[in-house]
N, C-alpha and C. Protein backbone atom coordinates (compact mmCIF):
# COMPACT_ATOMS: atom_id res chain seq x y z
N UNK A 1 93.44 106.17 101.35
CA UNK A 1 94.57 106.70 101.40
C UNK A 1 95.45 105.89 99.81
N UNK A 2 94.98 104.66 99.23
CA UNK A 2 95.21 104.06 98.41
C UNK A 2 95.13 105.06 97.35
N UNK A 3 93.86 105.60 97.56
CA UNK A 3 93.51 106.53 95.99
C UNK A 3 94.55 107.77 95.94
N UNK A 4 94.73 108.63 97.16
CA UNK A 4 96.05 109.47 96.92
C UNK A 4 97.26 108.95 96.69
N UNK A 5 97.64 107.92 96.90
CA UNK A 5 98.76 107.53 96.72
C UNK A 5 99.17 106.95 95.00
N UNK A 6 97.80 106.55 94.41
CA UNK A 6 97.50 106.55 93.35
C UNK A 6 98.40 105.58 92.99
N UNK A 7 99.56 104.42 93.39
CA UNK A 7 100.36 103.63 92.96
C UNK A 7 101.54 104.15 93.07
N UNK A 8 101.77 105.32 93.55
CA UNK A 8 103.12 106.02 93.91
C UNK A 8 103.88 105.15 95.26
N UNK A 9 104.96 105.16 95.40
CA UNK A 9 105.59 104.85 96.76
C UNK A 9 105.02 105.85 98.13
N UNK A 10 105.44 105.52 98.82
CA UNK A 10 104.96 106.21 99.95
C UNK A 10 106.13 106.50 100.95
N UNK A 11 107.13 107.76 101.02
CA UNK A 11 108.32 107.75 101.58
C UNK A 11 108.15 107.74 102.95
N UNK A 12 107.73 108.77 103.53
CA UNK A 12 107.02 108.49 105.24
C UNK A 12 105.86 109.01 105.01
N UNK A 13 105.54 108.25 106.59
CA UNK A 13 104.21 108.45 107.04
C UNK A 13 104.24 109.26 108.36
N UNK A 14 103.76 110.29 109.06
CA UNK A 14 104.20 110.83 110.05
C UNK A 14 102.31 111.24 110.48
N UNK A 15 102.73 110.92 111.92
CA UNK A 15 101.12 111.05 113.04
C UNK A 15 101.01 110.14 113.58
N UNK A 16 100.00 109.77 114.69
CA UNK A 16 100.10 109.40 116.00
C UNK A 16 98.13 108.67 116.34
N UNK A 17 98.09 108.38 117.13
CA UNK A 17 96.99 108.02 117.74
C UNK A 17 96.38 108.90 118.43
N UNK A 18 95.11 108.94 118.80
CA UNK A 18 94.57 110.18 120.19
C UNK A 18 95.32 109.55 121.50
N UNK A 19 95.36 110.85 122.22
CA UNK A 19 96.63 110.68 123.11
C UNK A 19 95.18 110.49 124.70
N UNK A 20 94.39 110.29 124.55
CA UNK A 20 93.90 110.30 125.81
C UNK A 20 94.10 109.10 126.59
N UNK A 21 94.09 107.81 126.15
CA UNK A 21 94.73 106.81 127.02
C UNK A 21 96.38 107.25 127.34
N UNK A 22 97.12 107.99 126.99
CA UNK A 22 98.36 108.00 127.60
C UNK A 22 98.33 108.99 128.94
N UNK A 23 97.79 109.80 128.21
CA UNK A 23 97.77 111.14 128.61
C UNK A 23 97.64 110.75 130.31
N UNK A 24 98.58 111.75 131.36
CA UNK A 24 98.53 111.77 132.59
C UNK A 24 97.03 112.49 133.31
N UNK A 25 96.07 113.31 132.52
CA UNK A 25 94.93 113.75 132.69
C UNK A 25 93.99 112.76 132.62
N UNK A 26 94.45 112.09 131.33
CA UNK A 26 92.88 110.86 130.79
C UNK A 26 93.03 110.31 131.61
N UNK A 27 94.64 109.68 132.41
CA UNK A 27 94.49 108.51 133.71
C UNK A 27 93.89 109.01 134.70
N UNK A 28 94.21 109.96 135.07
CA UNK A 28 93.79 110.45 136.40
C UNK A 28 92.17 110.60 136.09
N UNK A 29 91.72 111.20 135.15
CA UNK A 29 89.85 111.17 135.12
C UNK A 29 89.33 110.05 134.78
N UNK A 30 90.45 108.52 134.83
CA UNK A 30 89.43 107.60 134.38
C UNK A 30 89.57 106.48 136.04
N UNK A 31 88.48 106.52 136.42
CA UNK A 31 88.49 105.17 137.51
C UNK A 31 89.46 103.76 137.48
N UNK A 32 90.00 103.32 136.26
CA UNK A 32 90.67 102.28 135.86
C UNK A 32 91.91 102.81 135.55
N UNK A 33 92.59 104.48 135.27
CA UNK A 33 93.66 104.30 134.88
C UNK A 33 93.91 104.32 133.73
N UNK A 34 92.97 104.47 133.06
CA UNK A 34 92.86 103.98 131.43
C UNK A 34 93.24 102.45 131.21
N UNK A 35 93.32 101.57 131.95
CA UNK A 35 93.39 100.19 131.35
C UNK A 35 92.42 99.50 131.12
N UNK A 36 92.93 98.83 130.18
CA UNK A 36 91.43 97.99 129.15
C UNK A 36 90.74 99.05 128.23
N UNK A 37 91.49 100.20 128.00
CA UNK A 37 90.81 101.48 127.36
C UNK A 37 91.34 100.83 125.73
N UNK A 38 90.18 100.42 124.83
CA UNK A 38 90.79 99.81 123.75
C UNK A 38 92.35 100.93 122.97
N UNK A 39 92.08 101.97 123.14
CA UNK A 39 92.40 103.34 122.92
C UNK A 39 94.08 103.14 123.23
N UNK A 40 94.68 102.27 123.99
CA UNK A 40 95.90 102.21 123.80
C UNK A 40 96.46 101.27 123.04
N UNK A 41 95.93 100.71 122.34
CA UNK A 41 96.41 99.76 121.08
C UNK A 41 95.66 100.06 119.95
N UNK A 42 95.83 101.49 120.04
CA UNK A 42 95.68 102.09 118.83
C UNK A 42 96.93 102.24 117.66
N UNK A 43 97.69 102.01 118.05
CA UNK A 43 99.10 101.92 117.37
C UNK A 43 99.12 100.89 116.47
N UNK A 44 98.69 99.97 116.49
CA UNK A 44 98.17 98.88 115.93
C UNK A 44 97.54 99.23 114.79
N UNK A 45 97.21 99.76 114.68
CA UNK A 45 96.44 100.83 113.30
C UNK A 45 97.93 101.18 112.10
N UNK A 46 98.19 102.14 112.61
CA UNK A 46 99.20 102.76 112.53
C UNK A 46 100.52 101.67 112.14
N UNK A 47 100.32 100.59 112.56
CA UNK A 47 101.34 100.11 111.91
C UNK A 47 100.90 99.07 110.93
N UNK A 48 99.41 98.79 110.85
CA UNK A 48 98.81 98.35 109.25
C UNK A 48 99.03 99.45 108.58
N UNK A 49 99.10 100.37 108.63
CA UNK A 49 99.60 101.49 107.51
C UNK A 49 101.10 100.92 107.07
N UNK A 50 102.03 101.18 108.40
CA UNK A 50 103.49 101.10 107.77
C UNK A 50 103.48 99.97 106.80
N UNK A 51 102.55 98.67 107.52
CA UNK A 51 102.91 97.31 107.06
C UNK A 51 102.46 97.19 104.91
N UNK A 52 101.23 98.54 105.16
CA UNK A 52 100.51 98.04 103.57
C UNK A 52 101.83 99.11 102.78
N UNK A 53 102.26 100.44 103.17
CA UNK A 53 102.76 100.73 102.31
C UNK A 53 104.54 101.15 102.69
N UNK A 54 104.98 100.51 103.42
CA UNK A 54 106.68 100.27 103.41
C UNK A 54 106.98 101.67 103.63
N UNK A 55 106.58 102.68 104.06
CA UNK A 55 107.21 103.77 103.97
C UNK A 55 109.36 103.85 104.36
N UNK A 56 109.70 104.50 103.63
CA UNK A 56 111.36 104.17 104.30
C UNK A 56 111.21 105.15 105.63
N UNK A 57 110.37 105.92 106.23
CA UNK A 57 110.47 106.39 107.35
C UNK A 57 109.34 106.99 107.85
N UNK A 58 109.00 106.65 109.27
CA UNK A 58 107.70 107.25 109.66
C UNK A 58 108.23 108.18 111.00
N UNK A 59 106.87 109.07 111.75
CA UNK A 59 107.63 109.69 112.55
C UNK A 59 105.78 109.40 113.44
N UNK A 60 106.09 108.91 114.69
CA UNK A 60 105.03 108.39 115.43
C UNK A 60 105.20 109.44 116.63
N UNK A 61 103.68 110.43 116.83
CA UNK A 61 104.01 111.54 117.77
C UNK A 61 102.82 111.11 118.54
N UNK A 62 102.86 111.52 120.00
CA UNK A 62 101.91 111.65 121.03
C UNK A 62 102.59 112.52 122.30
N UNK A 63 101.69 112.16 123.30
CA UNK A 63 102.09 113.06 124.52
C UNK A 63 103.21 112.36 125.60
N UNK A 64 103.78 113.06 126.87
CA UNK A 64 104.87 112.74 127.43
C UNK A 64 104.54 111.57 128.26
N UNK A 65 103.14 110.87 128.20
CA UNK A 65 102.54 110.15 129.28
C UNK A 65 102.71 108.73 128.57
N UNK A 66 102.73 108.71 127.61
CA UNK A 66 103.63 107.82 126.90
C UNK A 66 104.41 107.02 127.60
N UNK A 67 105.73 108.00 128.18
CA UNK A 67 106.75 106.89 128.38
C UNK A 67 106.39 106.25 130.18
N UNK A 68 105.34 106.90 130.95
CA UNK A 68 104.84 106.29 131.61
C UNK A 68 103.60 105.41 131.88
N UNK A 69 102.93 105.74 130.94
CA UNK A 69 101.78 104.57 130.64
C UNK A 69 101.67 103.34 131.33
N UNK A 70 101.33 102.80 132.14
CA UNK A 70 101.57 101.15 132.35
C UNK A 70 102.74 100.83 132.55
N UNK A 71 103.40 101.80 133.25
CA UNK A 71 104.83 101.90 133.64
C UNK A 71 106.12 101.66 132.52
N UNK A 72 105.65 102.51 131.20
CA UNK A 72 106.13 102.27 129.83
C UNK A 72 105.47 101.21 129.10
N UNK A 73 104.96 100.08 129.30
CA UNK A 73 104.54 98.85 128.80
C UNK A 73 104.19 99.30 127.30
N UNK A 74 103.54 100.16 127.42
CA UNK A 74 103.05 100.23 126.34
C UNK A 74 103.56 100.85 124.81
N UNK A 75 104.84 101.93 125.24
CA UNK A 75 105.41 102.20 124.56
C UNK A 75 106.83 100.86 123.98
N UNK A 76 107.02 100.25 125.27
CA UNK A 76 107.76 98.81 125.07
C UNK A 76 106.93 98.18 123.86
N UNK A 77 105.97 97.85 123.89
CA UNK A 77 105.28 96.90 123.08
C UNK A 77 105.10 97.72 121.52
N UNK A 78 104.87 98.79 121.89
CA UNK A 78 104.77 99.10 120.20
C UNK A 78 106.28 99.49 119.61
N UNK A 79 107.69 99.58 120.24
CA UNK A 79 108.53 100.02 119.52
C UNK A 79 108.66 98.69 119.28
N UNK A 80 108.63 97.37 120.00
CA UNK A 80 108.54 96.14 119.70
C UNK A 80 107.98 95.68 118.43
N UNK A 81 106.91 96.62 118.27
CA UNK A 81 105.73 95.73 117.54
C UNK A 81 106.20 96.67 115.88
N UNK A 82 106.88 98.17 116.01
CA UNK A 82 107.51 98.51 114.96
C UNK A 82 108.71 97.99 114.02
N UNK A 83 109.35 97.16 115.16
CA UNK A 83 111.06 96.48 114.81
C UNK A 83 110.40 95.34 114.51
N UNK A 84 109.56 94.69 114.73
CA UNK A 84 108.50 93.46 113.56
C UNK A 84 108.71 93.77 112.83
N UNK A 85 108.11 94.81 112.30
CA UNK A 85 107.42 94.91 111.08
C UNK A 85 108.71 95.43 110.07
N UNK A 86 109.82 95.55 110.38
CA UNK A 86 111.02 96.38 109.88
C UNK A 86 111.32 97.45 110.29
N UNK A 87 111.51 98.12 111.16
CA UNK A 87 111.86 99.61 111.18
C UNK A 87 113.31 99.24 112.40
N UNK A 88 113.96 100.34 112.15
CA UNK A 88 115.03 100.18 112.77
C UNK A 88 115.09 102.01 113.90
N UNK A 89 114.35 102.06 115.08
CA UNK A 89 113.83 102.82 115.91
C UNK A 89 114.89 103.61 116.60
N UNK A 90 114.57 104.88 116.84
CA UNK A 90 115.21 106.10 117.85
C UNK A 90 113.79 106.89 118.44
N UNK A 91 113.75 107.28 119.46
CA UNK A 91 112.77 108.49 120.28
C UNK A 91 113.41 109.35 120.53
N UNK A 92 112.81 110.68 120.41
CA UNK A 92 113.19 111.94 121.04
C UNK A 92 112.28 112.55 121.62
N UNK A 93 112.00 113.61 122.36
CA UNK A 93 111.60 114.62 122.95
C UNK A 93 111.18 115.63 121.93
N UNK A 94 110.70 116.18 121.89
CA UNK A 94 110.37 117.85 121.24
C UNK A 94 109.31 118.60 121.65
N UNK A 95 109.34 119.97 121.63
CA UNK A 95 109.04 121.18 122.09
C UNK A 95 108.59 122.26 121.14
N UNK A 96 107.29 122.02 121.23
CA UNK A 96 107.03 122.88 119.96
C UNK A 96 107.43 124.16 120.04
N UNK A 97 107.63 124.59 121.06
CA UNK A 97 108.04 126.31 121.72
C UNK A 97 109.55 126.08 120.58
N UNK A 98 110.33 125.40 120.62
CA UNK A 98 111.78 125.24 120.07
C UNK A 98 111.79 125.40 118.60
N UNK A 99 109.94 125.60 118.00
CA UNK A 99 109.66 125.76 116.66
C UNK A 99 109.06 126.40 115.98
N UNK A 100 109.18 127.57 117.45
CA UNK A 100 108.70 129.05 116.78
C UNK A 100 107.24 128.55 116.97
N UNK A 101 105.92 127.98 117.80
CA UNK A 101 105.16 127.69 118.54
C UNK A 101 104.59 128.48 119.35
N UNK A 102 103.82 129.56 119.80
CA UNK A 102 103.50 130.23 121.13
C UNK A 102 102.84 129.18 122.44
N UNK A 103 103.92 127.96 122.15
CA UNK A 103 103.09 126.88 123.56
C UNK A 103 104.03 126.22 123.59
N UNK A 104 104.20 126.33 125.08
CA UNK A 104 104.68 124.90 125.84
C UNK A 104 104.65 123.91 125.32
N UNK A 105 104.98 123.02 124.81
CA UNK A 105 104.15 121.61 124.12
C UNK A 105 105.27 120.25 123.89
N UNK A 106 105.36 119.59 125.19
CA UNK A 106 106.30 118.67 124.61
C UNK A 106 105.41 117.29 124.44
N UNK A 107 106.24 117.00 122.75
CA UNK A 107 105.85 115.59 122.75
C UNK A 107 106.67 114.91 122.57
N UNK A 108 106.68 113.07 122.44
CA UNK A 108 107.77 112.16 122.29
C UNK A 108 107.19 111.71 121.09
N UNK A 109 108.62 111.66 120.24
CA UNK A 109 108.34 111.32 118.35
C UNK A 109 109.20 109.55 118.78
N UNK A 110 108.40 108.82 117.73
CA UNK A 110 109.15 107.91 117.49
C UNK A 110 109.77 107.92 116.36
N UNK A 111 110.85 107.59 115.99
CA UNK A 111 111.27 107.87 114.30
C UNK A 111 111.55 106.82 114.07
N UNK A 112 111.22 106.03 113.21
CA UNK A 112 111.04 104.84 112.15
C UNK A 112 111.84 104.48 111.11
N UNK A 113 113.11 103.62 110.57
CA UNK A 113 113.89 104.27 109.08
C UNK A 113 113.64 102.63 108.97
N UNK A 114 113.24 102.30 107.72
CA UNK A 114 113.41 101.22 107.19
C UNK A 114 114.66 100.30 107.09
N UNK A 115 114.49 98.81 107.78
CA UNK A 115 115.98 98.76 107.81
C UNK A 115 116.22 97.97 106.30
N UNK A 116 117.30 97.84 106.19
CA UNK A 116 117.62 97.37 105.10
C UNK A 116 118.63 98.21 104.11
N UNK A 117 119.16 98.01 102.85
CA UNK A 117 120.18 98.98 101.96
C UNK A 117 119.26 100.47 101.86
N UNK A 118 119.55 101.89 102.15
CA UNK A 118 119.25 102.61 101.59
C UNK A 118 119.96 103.47 100.28
């Protein structure tokens, strides 16, 4: 990504880690309910990009199962982490159908705005 940025400021980062660890289907298929799965912590790599590039805003997207995975523990932990590295947060649920996609596909989006003067 450094080569792509070519020294320029990054205004926004949009993305999210693989959803298997948070998804209801993934948890149902795994004998441990995805507890101990390393993918539960991939949001920390996302945070590394935020630290490195300090975008003004980010959008982190994932499946609705993130709300209930480990009774919301992973969501609480990632929000606390993103706040610690300098972002004000909000989250919302969006449905791709509402944006013209021919699919009923709900996702949680965490929106982070860099703290400080804008």
